[in-house]
Amino acid sequence: MNPDPNDSGRVLGVDIGGTKIAVGIVDGDGRILTQVRKPMVANSTAEAALQAVTDAIDALAWSEQIQARQIQKIGICAPGPLDPRTGVILNPPNLPCWRNFPLAEEIARKFHMEVKLENDANAAALAETRWGAARGCRFVFYATIGTGIGTGIVLDGRIYHGRTGSAGEGGHMSIDYHGPLCNCGKRGCIEALASGTAIGARARNKLTAEPTRRSALLGLAKGEVTAVMSETVGQAYAVGDALAREVLQETAEALTAWLGNIVDLLDPDVLVLGGGAAAMLKPFFDDIRNRLPSCSVNPYASEIPLRMAYYVADAGIAGGAALYSEVV
């Protein structure tokens, strides 16, 4: 790929997850012009995983729909832990194929372009700040609520990394140190209480504790309590199921307590929530906003907007591209 000096700022955004790789071309206004999705081989060798990523990039960059010379830069999002300064993937649980793997260097060597690597939630936060729900804001807190909870902080146009690059793990802030054990080893993390995984577990626990209670959840799961997942809860809520509503209401209450802590710590301009579980919880956003002042000592908590993210399934692609829009 040879850079085009007349290019208007298009970037190749790459989103690497445990099961998929999404690659897209993003223009200078944050529009995703075209994209492809390919499977990731996270449990194979480091070389096989790298090949999967390069194949996905090739599938898009050499397609007949675009001209490869328009692309000069590649921005990559991946689960942490990783080091954005060196471009090294450290030891992410969802990518066991890579341990201390110099991903940015390998991709740069393959495609002869500048490459940046960033934690997926951090990059998504930057994309929302640059082009999305937090556009025009200086102090931004972003959370993606899905299987887990990832967060990112943007201050004056820059991702806040902290001293070592490990800052921003808001999903592992505990709001109940006697609470359920989180996969990280701590108790009562918001991820263990309000992620998509936690929503499914809360619903299953309620069904087990009240076996005679009627609920659409069981019908949707074909009578198998163990088959109830967060998506099942969303489907049941959509048809007016009372138990599903309880589950989501309790989840919203936990999120409110957590966001109150975030407000007290950061005093952000805006709170942005993304991810599949956040979309499910959107009907409860007004309740969260109204209750937030009671969970915060910040006298201006009621003025802080809570917004749904602009980028949903494409947050990683946009986030990768946004790495080249960061204030330096």
C-alpha atoms as a PDB file:
ATOM      1  CA  MET A   1       0.000   0.000   0.000  1.00  0.00           C
ATOM      2  CA  ASN A   2       1.510   3.323  -1.057  1.00  0.00           C
ATOM      3  CA  PRO A   3       0.307   6.512   0.677  1.00  0.00           C
ATOM      4  CA  ASP A   4      -1.505   9.054  -1.430  1.00  0.00           C
ATOM      5  CA  PRO A   5      -0.292  12.622  -0.726  1.00  0.00           C
ATOM      6  CA  ASN A   6      -3.720  13.927  -1.718  1.00  0.00           C
ATOM      7  CA  ASP A   7      -5.549  11.761   0.827  1.00  0.00           C
ATOM      8  CA  SER A   8      -8.133  13.597   2.971  1.00  0.00           C
ATOM      9  CA  GLY A   9      -7.473  11.736   6.219  1.00  0.00           C
ATOM     10  CA  ARG A  10      -8.876   8.262   5.748  1.00  0.00           C
ATOM     11  CA  VAL A  11      -7.733   5.719   8.308  1.00  0.00           C
ATOM     12  CA  LEU A  12      -8.066   1.952   8.460  1.00  0.00           C
ATOM     13  CA  GLY A  13      -9.758   1.106  11.768  1.00  0.00           C
ATOM     14  CA  VAL A  14      -9.239  -2.434  13.051  1.00  0.00           C
ATOM     15  CA  ASP A  15     -11.281  -3.915  15.903  1.00  0.00           C
ATOM     16  CA  ILE A  16      -9.871  -7.169  17.290  1.00  0.00           C
ATOM     17  CA  GLY A  17     -12.024  -9.212  19.647  1.00  0.00           C
ATOM     18  CA  GLY A  18     -11.984 -12.711  21.010  1.00  0.00           C
ATOM     19  CA  THR A  19     -14.154 -14.071  18.193  1.00  0.00           C
ATOM     20  CA  LYS A  20     -14.080 -11.529  15.369  1.00  0.00           C
ATOM     21  CA  ILE A  21     -12.000  -8.965  13.531  1.00  0.00           C
ATOM     22  CA  ALA A  22     -13.777  -5.934  12.069  1.00  0.00           C
ATOM     23  CA  VAL A  23     -11.919  -3.693   9.631  1.00  0.00           C
ATOM     24  CA  GLY A  24     -13.269  -0.469   8.163  1.00  0.00           C
ATOM     25  CA  ILE A  25     -12.222   2.639   6.300  1.00  0.00           C
ATOM     26  CA  VAL A  26     -13.087   5.787   8.235  1.00  0.00           C
ATOM     27  CA  ASP A  27     -12.960   9.284   6.816  1.00  0.00           C
ATOM     28  CA  GLY A  28     -11.974  12.479   8.600  1.00  0.00           C
ATOM     29  CA  ASP A  29     -15.534  13.070   9.770  1.00  0.00           C
ATOM     30  CA  GLY A  30     -15.861   9.683  11.454  1.00  0.00           C
ATOM     31  CA  ARG A  31     -17.954   8.084   8.724  1.00  0.00           C
ATOM     32  CA  ILE A  32     -17.309   4.394   8.164  1.00  0.00           C
ATOM     33  CA  LEU A  33     -17.200   4.120   4.392  1.00  0.00           C
ATOM     34  CA  THR A  34     -16.897   0.355   4.035  1.00  0.00           C
ATOM     35  CA  GLN A  35     -16.076  -2.584   6.281  1.00  0.00           C
ATOM     36  CA  VAL A  36     -15.564  -6.335   6.514  1.00  0.00           C
ATOM     37  CA  ARG A  37     -15.777  -8.804   9.387  1.00  0.00           C
ATOM     38  CA  LYS A  38     -13.737 -11.977   9.694  1.00  0.00           C
ATOM     39  CA  PRO A  39     -13.341 -14.629  12.411  1.00  0.00           C
ATOM     40  CA  MET A  40     -10.521 -14.357  14.950  1.00  0.00           C
ATOM     41  CA  VAL A  41      -8.510 -17.399  16.030  1.00  0.00           C
ATOM     42  CA  ALA A  42      -7.795 -16.308  19.601  1.00  0.00           C
ATOM     43  CA  ASN A  43      -6.986 -19.777  20.927  1.00  0.00           C
ATOM     44  CA  SER A  44      -4.434 -20.668  18.262  1.00  0.00           C
ATOM     45  CA  THR A  45      -0.788 -19.652  17.910  1.00  0.00           C
ATOM     46  CA  ALA A  46       0.420 -16.062  17.908  1.00  0.00           C
ATOM     47  CA  GLU A  47       1.363 -16.413  14.241  1.00  0.00           C
ATOM     48  CA  ALA A  48      -2.053 -17.784  13.252  1.00  0.00           C
ATOM     49  CA  ALA A  49      -3.802 -14.945  15.069  1.00  0.00           C
ATOM     50  CA  LEU A  50      -1.584 -12.377  13.349  1.00  0.00           C
ATOM     51  CA  GLN A  51      -2.361 -13.991  10.001  1.00  0.00           C
ATOM     52  CA  ALA A  52      -6.088 -13.717  10.728  1.00  0.00           C
ATOM     53  CA  VAL A  53      -5.691  -9.975  11.320  1.00  0.00           C
ATOM     54  CA  THR A  54      -3.597  -9.380   8.210  1.00  0.00           C
ATOM     55  CA  ASP A  55      -6.010 -11.438   6.120  1.00  0.00           C
ATOM     56  CA  ALA A  56      -8.919  -9.304   7.368  1.00  0.00           C
ATOM     57  CA  ILE A  57      -7.067  -6.098   6.500  1.00  0.00           C
ATOM     58  CA  ASP A  58      -6.175  -7.477   3.078  1.00  0.00           C
ATOM     59  CA  ALA A  59      -9.793  -8.503   2.462  1.00  0.00           C
ATOM     60  CA  LEU A  60     -10.843  -4.876   2.753  1.00  0.00           C
ATOM     61  CA  ALA A  61      -7.833  -2.946   1.552  1.00  0.00           C
ATOM     62  CA  TRP A  62      -7.439  -4.852  -1.683  1.00  0.00           C
ATOM     63  CA  SER A  63     -11.120  -5.100  -2.544  1.00  0.00           C
ATOM     64  CA  GLU A  64     -12.281  -3.636  -5.827  1.00  0.00           C
ATOM     65  CA  GLN A  65     -14.496  -1.127  -3.993  1.00  0.00           C
ATOM     66  CA  ILE A  66     -11.640   1.066  -2.765  1.00  0.00           C
ATOM     67  CA  GLN A  67      -8.197   2.201  -3.785  1.00  0.00           C
ATOM     68  CA  ALA A  68      -5.567   0.951  -1.381  1.00  0.00           C
ATOM     69  CA  ARG A  69      -3.390   4.021  -1.936  1.00  0.00           C
ATOM     70  CA  GLN A  70      -5.931   6.142  -0.061  1.00  0.00           C
ATOM     71  CA  ILE A  71      -4.931   4.560   3.244  1.00  0.00           C
ATOM     72  CA  GLN A  72      -1.892   5.832   5.108  1.00  0.00           C
ATOM     73  CA  LYS A  73      -2.551   4.864   8.697  1.00  0.00           C
ATOM     74  CA  ILE A  74      -3.909   1.936  10.699  1.00  0.00           C
ATOM     75  CA  GLY A  75      -5.491   2.285  14.132  1.00  0.00           C
ATOM     76  CA  ILE A  76      -6.068  -0.935  16.065  1.00  0.00           C
ATOM     77  CA  CYS A  77      -8.376  -1.556  19.038  1.00  0.00           C
ATOM     78  CA  ALA A  78      -7.960  -4.687  21.151  1.00  0.00           C
ATOM     79  CA  PRO A  79      -8.877  -5.868  24.644  1.00  0.00           C
ATOM     80  CA  GLY A  80      -6.389  -5.065  27.364  1.00  0.00           C
ATOM     81  CA  PRO A  81      -4.104  -5.296  29.088  1.00  0.00           C
ATOM     82  CA  LEU A  82      -1.871  -3.758  26.427  1.00  0.00           C
ATOM     83  CA  ASP A  83       0.702  -0.997  26.219  1.00  0.00           C
ATOM     84  CA  PRO A  84      -0.371   1.771  23.813  1.00  0.00           C
ATOM     85  CA  ARG A  85       3.048   3.424  23.997  1.00  0.00           C
ATOM     86  CA  THR A  86       4.929   0.399  22.661  1.00  0.00           C
ATOM     87  CA  GLY A  87       2.091  -1.229  20.701  1.00  0.00           C
ATOM     88  CA  VAL A  88       2.508  -4.477  22.627  1.00  0.00           C
ATOM     89  CA  ILE A  89      -0.369  -6.778  23.570  1.00  0.00           C
ATOM     90  CA  LEU A  90       0.409  -7.895  27.132  1.00  0.00           C
ATOM     91  CA  ASN A  91      -1.904 -10.627  28.438  1.00  0.00           C
ATOM     92  CA  PRO A  92      -5.594 -10.112  27.578  1.00  0.00           C
ATOM     93  CA  PRO A  93      -7.835 -12.957  28.829  1.00  0.00           C
ATOM     94  CA  ASN A  94      -9.881 -12.854  25.610  1.00  0.00           C
ATOM     95  CA  LEU A  95      -6.781 -13.174  23.406  1.00  0.00           C
ATOM     96  CA  PRO A  96      -4.725 -15.984  24.942  1.00  0.00           C
ATOM     97  CA  CYS A  97      -2.845 -16.328  21.636  1.00  0.00           C
ATOM     98  CA  TRP A  98      -0.828 -13.200  22.417  1.00  0.00           C
ATOM     99  CA  ARG A  99       1.432 -12.651  25.401  1.00  0.00           C
ATOM    100  CA  ASN A 100       3.837  -9.695  25.196  1.00  0.00           C
ATOM    101  CA  PHE A 101       3.214  -9.646  21.475  1.00  0.00           C
ATOM    102  CA  PRO A 102       4.413  -6.596  19.445  1.00  0.00           C
ATOM    103  CA  LEU A 103       1.259  -6.301  17.363  1.00  0.00           C
ATOM    104  CA  ALA A 104       1.721  -2.720  16.150  1.00  0.00           C
ATOM    105  CA  GLU A 105       5.265  -3.459  15.001  1.00  0.00           C
ATOM    106  CA  GLU A 106       4.193  -6.614  13.158  1.00  0.00           C
ATOM    107  CA  ILE A 107       1.321  -4.886  11.356  1.00  0.00           C
ATOM    108  CA  ALA A 108       3.521  -1.905  10.451  1.00  0.00           C
ATOM    109  CA  ARG A 109       6.135  -4.246   9.007  1.00  0.00           C
ATOM    110  CA  LYS A 110       3.530  -6.085   6.958  1.00  0.00           C
ATOM    111  CA  PHE A 111       1.761  -3.040   5.496  1.00  0.00           C
ATOM    112  CA  HIS A 112       4.540  -0.394   5.628  1.00  0.00           C
ATOM    113  CA  MET A 113       2.324   2.143   7.338  1.00  0.00           C
ATOM    114  CA  GLU A 114       2.071   3.956  10.651  1.00  0.00           C
ATOM    115  CA  VAL A 115       0.194   1.867  13.216  1.00  0.00           C
ATOM    116  CA  LYS A 116      -1.301   2.780  16.599  1.00  0.00           C
ATOM    117  CA  LEU A 117      -2.688   0.338  19.167  1.00  0.00           C
ATOM    118  CA  GLU A 118      -5.116   1.145  21.967  1.00  0.00           C
ATOM    119  CA  ASN A 119      -7.439  -0.483  24.469  1.00  0.00           C
ATOM    120  CA  ASP A 120     -10.843  -0.851  22.829  1.00  0.00           C
ATOM    121  CA  ALA A 121     -12.837   1.075  25.432  1.00  0.00           C
ATOM    122  CA  ASN A 122     -10.326   3.948  25.482  1.00  0.00           C
ATOM    123  CA  ALA A 123     -10.454   4.221  21.714  1.00  0.00           C
ATOM    124  CA  ALA A 124     -14.248   4.083  21.636  1.00  0.00           C
ATOM    125  CA  ALA A 125     -14.326   6.892  24.196  1.00  0.00           C
ATOM    126  CA  LEU A 126     -12.132   8.969  21.905  1.00  0.00           C
ATOM    127  CA  ALA A 127     -14.370   8.249  18.899  1.00  0.00           C
ATOM    128  CA  GLU A 128     -17.432   9.382  20.854  1.00  0.00           C
ATOM    129  CA  THR A 129     -15.572  12.538  21.872  1.00  0.00           C
ATOM    130  CA  ARG A 130     -14.346  13.289  18.378  1.00  0.00           C
ATOM    131  CA  TRP A 131     -17.441  12.449  16.337  1.00  0.00           C
ATOM    132  CA  GLY A 132     -20.193  10.949  18.494  1.00  0.00           C
ATOM    133  CA  ALA A 133     -22.362  11.486  21.553  1.00  0.00           C
ATOM    134  CA  ALA A 134     -19.691  13.508  23.400  1.00  0.00           C
ATOM    135  CA  ARG A 135     -18.685  15.721  20.507  1.00  0.00           C
ATOM    136  CA  GLY A 136     -17.591  19.143  21.751  1.00  0.00           C
ATOM    137  CA  CYS A 137     -17.053  17.977  25.349  1.00  0.00           C
ATOM    138  CA  ARG A 138     -13.756  18.350  27.213  1.00  0.00           C
ATOM    139  CA  PHE A 139     -14.190  15.845  30.046  1.00  0.00           C
ATOM    140  CA  VAL A 140     -15.761  12.569  28.931  1.00  0.00           C
ATOM    141  CA  PHE A 141     -16.506   9.300  30.691  1.00  0.00           C
ATOM    142  CA  TYR A 142     -17.470   6.388  28.450  1.00  0.00           C
ATOM    143  CA  ALA A 143     -18.531   2.858  29.351  1.00  0.00           C
ATOM    144  CA  THR A 144     -19.360  -0.066  27.116  1.00  0.00           C
ATOM    145  CA  ILE A 145     -21.652  -2.560  28.812  1.00  0.00           C
ATOM    146  CA  GLY A 146     -21.644  -5.981  27.236  1.00  0.00           C
ATOM    147  CA  THR A 147     -20.234  -9.313  28.373  1.00  0.00           C
ATOM    148  CA  GLY A 148     -18.092  -7.205  30.699  1.00  0.00           C
ATOM    149  CA  ILE A 149     -17.811  -3.476  31.354  1.00  0.00           C
ATOM    150  CA  GLY A 150     -15.006  -1.495  29.767  1.00  0.00           C
ATOM    151  CA  THR A 151     -14.473   2.207  30.321  1.00  0.00           C
ATOM    152  CA  GLY A 152     -12.480   5.076  28.895  1.00  0.00           C
ATOM    153  CA  ILE A 153     -11.701   8.600  30.062  1.00  0.00           C
ATOM    154  CA  VAL A 154     -10.933  11.479  27.703  1.00  0.00           C
ATOM    155  CA  LEU A 155      -9.610  14.742  29.122  1.00  0.00           C
ATOM    156  CA  ASP A 156      -9.142  17.734  26.829  1.00  0.00           C
ATOM    157  CA  GLY A 157      -9.062  15.555  23.711  1.00  0.00           C
ATOM    158  CA  ARG A 158      -6.619  12.981  25.077  1.00  0.00           C
ATOM    159  CA  ILE A 159      -7.139   9.512  26.493  1.00  0.00           C
ATOM    160  CA  TYR A 160      -6.218   9.410  30.162  1.00  0.00           C
ATOM    161  CA  HIS A 161      -3.761   6.527  30.596  1.00  0.00           C
ATOM    162  CA  GLY A 162      -2.344   7.218  34.038  1.00  0.00           C
ATOM    163  CA  ARG A 163       1.269   6.654  35.038  1.00  0.00           C
ATOM    164  CA  THR A 164       1.757   3.219  33.451  1.00  0.00           C
ATOM    165  CA  GLY A 165      -1.056   3.090  30.895  1.00  0.00           C
ATOM    166  CA  SER A 166      -3.277   1.042  33.219  1.00  0.00           C
ATOM    167  CA  ALA A 167      -5.827   3.742  34.101  1.00  0.00           C
ATOM    168  CA  GLY A 168      -9.469   3.632  33.125  1.00  0.00           C
ATOM    169  CA  GLU A 169     -10.475   0.200  34.440  1.00  0.00           C
ATOM    170  CA  GLY A 170     -13.766   1.574  35.724  1.00  0.00           C
ATOM    171  CA  GLY A 171     -15.536  -1.738  35.250  1.00  0.00           C
ATOM    172  CA  HIS A 172     -13.549  -3.071  38.184  1.00  0.00           C
ATOM    173  CA  MET A 173     -14.519  -0.364  40.644  1.00  0.00           C
ATOM    174  CA  SER A 174     -16.273  -2.096  43.529  1.00  0.00           C
ATOM    175  CA  ILE A 175     -19.551  -0.737  44.859  1.00  0.00           C
ATOM    176  CA  ASP A 176     -20.028  -3.636  47.309  1.00  0.00           C
ATOM    177  CA  TYR A 177     -16.917  -5.242  48.764  1.00  0.00           C
ATOM    178  CA  HIS A 178     -19.088  -8.057  50.157  1.00  0.00           C
ATOM    179  CA  GLY A 179     -20.655  -8.569  46.741  1.00  0.00           C
ATOM    180  CA  PRO A 180     -20.227 -11.322  44.151  1.00  0.00           C
ATOM    181  CA  LEU A 181     -16.761 -12.347  43.088  1.00  0.00           C
ATOM    182  CA  CYS A 182     -15.669 -10.765  39.826  1.00  0.00           C
ATOM    183  CA  ASN A 183     -13.495 -12.552  37.285  1.00  0.00           C
ATOM    184  CA  CYS A 184     -10.742 -10.080  38.162  1.00  0.00           C
ATOM    185  CA  GLY A 185     -10.590 -11.498  41.704  1.00  0.00           C
ATOM    186  CA  LYS A 186     -12.211  -8.567  43.493  1.00  0.00           C
ATOM    187  CA  ARG A 187     -15.698  -8.522  44.985  1.00  0.00           C
ATOM    188  CA  GLY A 188     -18.606  -6.308  44.046  1.00  0.00           C
ATOM    189  CA  CYS A 189     -17.126  -4.816  40.873  1.00  0.00           C
ATOM    190  CA  ILE A 190     -19.742  -3.114  38.746  1.00  0.00           C
ATOM    191  CA  GLU A 191     -18.895  -5.638  36.018  1.00  0.00           C
ATOM    192  CA  ALA A 192     -20.004  -8.430  38.353  1.00  0.00           C
ATOM    193  CA  LEU A 193     -23.249  -6.579  39.099  1.00  0.00           C
ATOM    194  CA  ALA A 194     -24.354  -4.841  35.904  1.00  0.00           C
ATOM    195  CA  SER A 195     -22.708  -6.381  32.835  1.00  0.00           C
ATOM    196  CA  GLY A 196     -24.635  -8.463  30.349  1.00  0.00           C
ATOM    197  CA  THR A 197     -23.251 -11.546  32.065  1.00  0.00           C
ATOM    198  CA  ALA A 198     -24.505 -10.281  35.425  1.00  0.00           C
ATOM    199  CA  ILE A 199     -27.954  -9.492  34.011  1.00  0.00           C
ATOM    200  CA  GLY A 200     -28.336 -13.077  32.824  1.00  0.00           C
ATOM    201  CA  ALA A 201     -27.118 -14.446  36.154  1.00  0.00           C
ATOM    202  CA  ARG A 202     -29.523 -12.223  38.123  1.00  0.00           C
ATOM    203  CA  ALA A 203     -32.446 -13.437  36.044  1.00  0.00           C
ATOM    204  CA  ARG A 204     -31.467 -17.091  36.511  1.00  0.00           C
ATOM    205  CA  ASN A 205     -31.120 -16.597  40.253  1.00  0.00           C
ATOM    206  CA  LYS A 206     -34.592 -15.086  40.490  1.00  0.00           C
ATOM    207  CA  LEU A 207     -36.136 -17.918  38.511  1.00  0.00           C
ATOM    208  CA  THR A 208     -34.407 -20.498  40.696  1.00  0.00           C
ATOM    209  CA  ALA A 209     -35.466 -18.754  43.911  1.00  0.00           C
ATOM    210  CA  GLU A 210     -39.105 -18.449  42.769  1.00  0.00           C
ATOM    211  CA  PRO A 211     -39.769 -21.587  40.684  1.00  0.00           C
ATOM    212  CA  THR A 212     -43.557 -21.088  40.651  1.00  0.00           C
ATOM    213  CA  ARG A 213     -43.388 -17.516  39.392  1.00  0.00           C
ATOM    214  CA  ARG A 214     -44.722 -17.055  35.892  1.00  0.00           C
ATOM    215  CA  SER A 215     -42.367 -15.330  33.497  1.00  0.00           C
ATOM    216  CA  ALA A 216     -41.909 -15.008  29.763  1.00  0.00           C
ATOM    217  CA  LEU A 217     -38.233 -15.732  30.370  1.00  0.00           C
ATOM    218  CA  LEU A 218     -38.830 -19.466  30.691  1.00  0.00           C
ATOM    219  CA  GLY A 219     -40.875 -19.628  27.513  1.00  0.00           C
ATOM    220  CA  LEU A 220     -38.184 -17.799  25.579  1.00  0.00           C
ATOM    221  CA  ALA A 221     -35.574 -20.192  27.016  1.00  0.00           C
ATOM    222  CA  LYS A 222     -37.714 -23.249  26.211  1.00  0.00           C
ATOM    223  CA  GLY A 223     -38.165 -24.016  29.898  1.00  0.00           C
ATOM    224  CA  GLU A 224     -34.438 -24.171  30.665  1.00  0.00           C
ATOM    225  CA  VAL A 225     -33.369 -21.747  33.398  1.00  0.00           C
ATOM    226  CA  THR A 226     -29.729 -22.291  32.465  1.00  0.00           C
ATOM    227  CA  ALA A 227     -30.476 -21.025  28.949  1.00  0.00           C
ATOM    228  CA  VAL A 228     -31.593 -17.582  30.184  1.00  0.00           C
ATOM    229  CA  MET A 229     -29.059 -14.942  29.110  1.00  0.00           C
ATOM    230  CA  SER A 230     -29.072 -11.158  29.026  1.00  0.00           C
ATOM    231  CA  GLU A 231     -30.578 -11.193  25.531  1.00  0.00           C
ATOM    232  CA  THR A 232     -33.456 -13.298  26.904  1.00  0.00           C
ATOM    233  CA  VAL A 233     -34.063 -10.658  29.564  1.00  0.00           C
ATOM    234  CA  GLY A 234     -34.235  -7.958  26.910  1.00  0.00           C
ATOM    235  CA  GLN A 235     -36.719  -9.960  24.854  1.00  0.00           C
ATOM    236  CA  ALA A 236     -38.899 -10.640  27.908  1.00  0.00           C
ATOM    237  CA  TYR A 237     -38.828  -6.987  28.951  1.00  0.00           C
ATOM    238  CA  ALA A 238     -39.961  -5.992  25.470  1.00  0.00           C
ATOM    239  CA  VAL A 239     -43.152  -8.037  25.926  1.00  0.00           C
ATOM    240  CA  GLY A 240     -43.866  -6.583  29.365  1.00  0.00           C
ATOM    241  CA  ASP A 241     -42.488  -9.314  31.616  1.00  0.00           C
ATOM    242  CA  ALA A 242     -42.420  -8.195  35.268  1.00  0.00           C
ATOM    243  CA  LEU A 243     -39.451 -10.311  36.312  1.00  0.00           C
ATOM    244  CA  ALA A 244     -37.350  -9.017  33.436  1.00  0.00           C
ATOM    245  CA  ARG A 245     -38.242  -5.483  34.434  1.00  0.00           C
ATOM    246  CA  GLU A 246     -37.101  -6.194  38.007  1.00  0.00           C
ATOM    247  CA  VAL A 247     -33.790  -7.504  36.742  1.00  0.00           C
ATOM    248  CA  LEU A 248     -33.154  -4.426  34.614  1.00  0.00           C
ATOM    249  CA  GLN A 249     -34.352  -2.051  37.331  1.00  0.00           C
ATOM    250  CA  GLU A 250     -31.923  -3.569  39.839  1.00  0.00           C
ATOM    251  CA  THR A 251     -29.161  -3.338  37.263  1.00  0.00           C
ATOM    252  CA  ALA A 252     -29.959   0.331  36.670  1.00  0.00           C
ATOM    253  CA  GLU A 253     -29.803   0.966  40.420  1.00  0.00           C
ATOM    254  CA  ALA A 254     -26.332  -0.566  40.620  1.00  0.00           C
ATOM    255  CA  LEU A 255     -25.217   1.530  37.655  1.00  0.00           C
ATOM    256  CA  THR A 256     -26.577   4.675  39.313  1.00  0.00           C
ATOM    257  CA  ALA A 257     -24.511   4.082  42.450  1.00  0.00           C
ATOM    258  CA  TRP A 258     -21.429   3.464  40.318  1.00  0.00           C
ATOM    259  CA  LEU A 259     -21.979   6.503  38.095  1.00  0.00           C
ATOM    260  CA  GLY A 260     -22.416   8.615  41.221  1.00  0.00           C
ATOM    261  CA  ASN A 261     -18.879   7.613  42.200  1.00  0.00           C
ATOM    262  CA  ILE A 262     -17.662   8.419  38.694  1.00  0.00           C
ATOM    263  CA  VAL A 263     -19.228  11.868  38.863  1.00  0.00           C
ATOM    264  CA  ASP A 264     -17.659  12.542  42.263  1.00  0.00           C
ATOM    265  CA  LEU A 265     -14.248  11.439  41.009  1.00  0.00           C
ATOM    266  CA  LEU A 266     -14.145  13.023  37.540  1.00  0.00           C
ATOM    267  CA  ASP A 267     -16.834  15.740  37.361  1.00  0.00           C
ATOM    268  CA  PRO A 268     -17.307  14.972  33.636  1.00  0.00           C
ATOM    269  CA  ASP A 269     -19.145  17.024  31.028  1.00  0.00           C
ATOM    270  CA  VAL A 270     -21.037  13.929  29.904  1.00  0.00           C
ATOM    271  CA  LEU A 271     -21.573  10.236  30.639  1.00  0.00           C
ATOM    272  CA  VAL A 272     -21.793   8.015  27.549  1.00  0.00           C
ATOM    273  CA  LEU A 273     -22.942   4.384  27.638  1.00  0.00           C
ATOM    274  CA  GLY A 274     -22.495   1.952  24.764  1.00  0.00           C
ATOM    275  CA  GLY A 275     -22.689  -1.777  24.165  1.00  0.00           C
ATOM    276  CA  GLY A 276     -25.523  -4.255  23.809  1.00  0.00           C
ATOM    277  CA  ALA A 277     -26.568  -4.266  27.458  1.00  0.00           C
ATOM    278  CA  ALA A 278     -26.581  -0.466  27.545  1.00  0.00           C
ATOM    279  CA  ALA A 279     -29.041  -0.438  24.645  1.00  0.00           C
ATOM    280  CA  MET A 280     -31.234  -2.814  26.636  1.00  0.00           C
ATOM    281  CA  LEU A 281     -31.071  -0.445  29.612  1.00  0.00           C
ATOM    282  CA  LYS A 282     -31.854   2.706  27.626  1.00  0.00           C
ATOM    283  CA  PRO A 283     -35.500   2.811  28.875  1.00  0.00           C
ATOM    284  CA  PHE A 284     -34.037   3.272  32.380  1.00  0.00           C
ATOM    285  CA  PHE A 285     -31.767   6.192  31.504  1.00  0.00           C
ATOM    286  CA  ASP A 286     -34.265   8.750  32.839  1.00  0.00           C
ATOM    287  CA  ASP A 287     -34.452   6.895  36.166  1.00  0.00           C
ATOM    288  CA  ILE A 288     -30.654   6.858  36.379  1.00  0.00           C
ATOM    289  CA  ARG A 289     -30.456  10.593  35.627  1.00  0.00           C
ATOM    290  CA  ASN A 290     -33.113  11.409  38.219  1.00  0.00           C
ATOM    291  CA  ARG A 291     -31.493   9.285  40.927  1.00  0.00           C
ATOM    292  CA  LEU A 292     -27.907  10.331  40.204  1.00  0.00           C
ATOM    293  CA  PRO A 293     -27.889  13.412  42.502  1.00  0.00           C
ATOM    294  CA  SER A 294     -28.813  11.177  45.469  1.00  0.00           C
ATOM    295  CA  CYS A 295     -25.728   9.038  44.739  1.00  0.00           C
ATOM    296  CA  SER A 296     -23.285  11.914  44.361  1.00  0.00           C
ATOM    297  CA  VAL A 297     -21.994  14.784  46.471  1.00  0.00           C
ATOM    298  CA  ASN A 298     -21.368  16.829  43.330  1.00  0.00           C
ATOM    299  CA  PRO A 299     -23.844  19.726  43.515  1.00  0.00           C
ATOM    300  CA  TYR A 300     -24.069  19.813  39.717  1.00  0.00           C
ATOM    301  CA  ALA A 301     -24.709  16.097  39.190  1.00  0.00           C
ATOM    302  CA  SER A 302     -28.193  16.753  37.816  1.00  0.00           C
ATOM    303  CA  GLU A 303     -26.687  18.850  35.013  1.00  0.00           C
ATOM    304  CA  ILE A 304     -24.535  16.032  33.619  1.00  0.00           C
ATOM    305  CA  PRO A 305     -26.207  14.394  30.595  1.00  0.00           C
ATOM    306  CA  LEU A 306     -26.348  10.621  30.212  1.00  0.00           C
ATOM    307  CA  ARG A 307     -26.268   9.663  26.544  1.00  0.00           C
ATOM    308  CA  MET A 308     -26.391   6.529  24.470  1.00  0.00           C
ATOM    309  CA  ALA A 309     -23.259   6.061  22.386  1.00  0.00           C
ATOM    310  CA  TYR A 310     -23.377   7.024  18.721  1.00  0.00           C
ATOM    311  CA  TYR A 311     -21.196   4.120  17.642  1.00  0.00           C
ATOM    312  CA  VAL A 312     -22.585   0.733  18.656  1.00  0.00           C
ATOM    313  CA  ALA A 313     -21.336  -2.379  16.856  1.00  0.00           C
ATOM    314  CA  ASP A 314     -18.826  -0.225  14.953  1.00  0.00           C
ATOM    315  CA  ALA A 315     -17.264   1.406  18.016  1.00  0.00           C
ATOM    316  CA  GLY A 316     -13.963  -0.414  17.568  1.00  0.00           C
ATOM    317  CA  ILE A 317     -13.570   0.557  13.920  1.00  0.00           C
ATOM    318  CA  ALA A 318     -14.304   4.205  14.678  1.00  0.00           C
ATOM    319  CA  GLY A 319     -12.128   4.028  17.777  1.00  0.00           C
ATOM    320  CA  GLY A 320      -9.142   2.803  15.828  1.00  0.00           C
ATOM    321  CA  ALA A 321      -9.472   5.669  13.385  1.00  0.00           C
ATOM    322  CA  ALA A 322      -9.982   8.174  16.196  1.00  0.00           C
ATOM    323  CA  LEU A 323      -6.486   7.446  17.512  1.00  0.00           C
ATOM    324  CA  TYR A 324      -5.227   9.741  14.775  1.00  0.00           C
ATOM    325  CA  SER A 325      -7.497  12.574  15.893  1.00  0.00           C
ATOM    326  CA  GLU A 326      -6.214  12.685  19.461  1.00  0.00           C
ATOM    327  CA  VAL A 327      -4.831  16.014  20.676  1.00  0.00           C
ATOM    328  CA  VAL A 328      -1.068  15.728  21.085  1.00  0.00           C
END
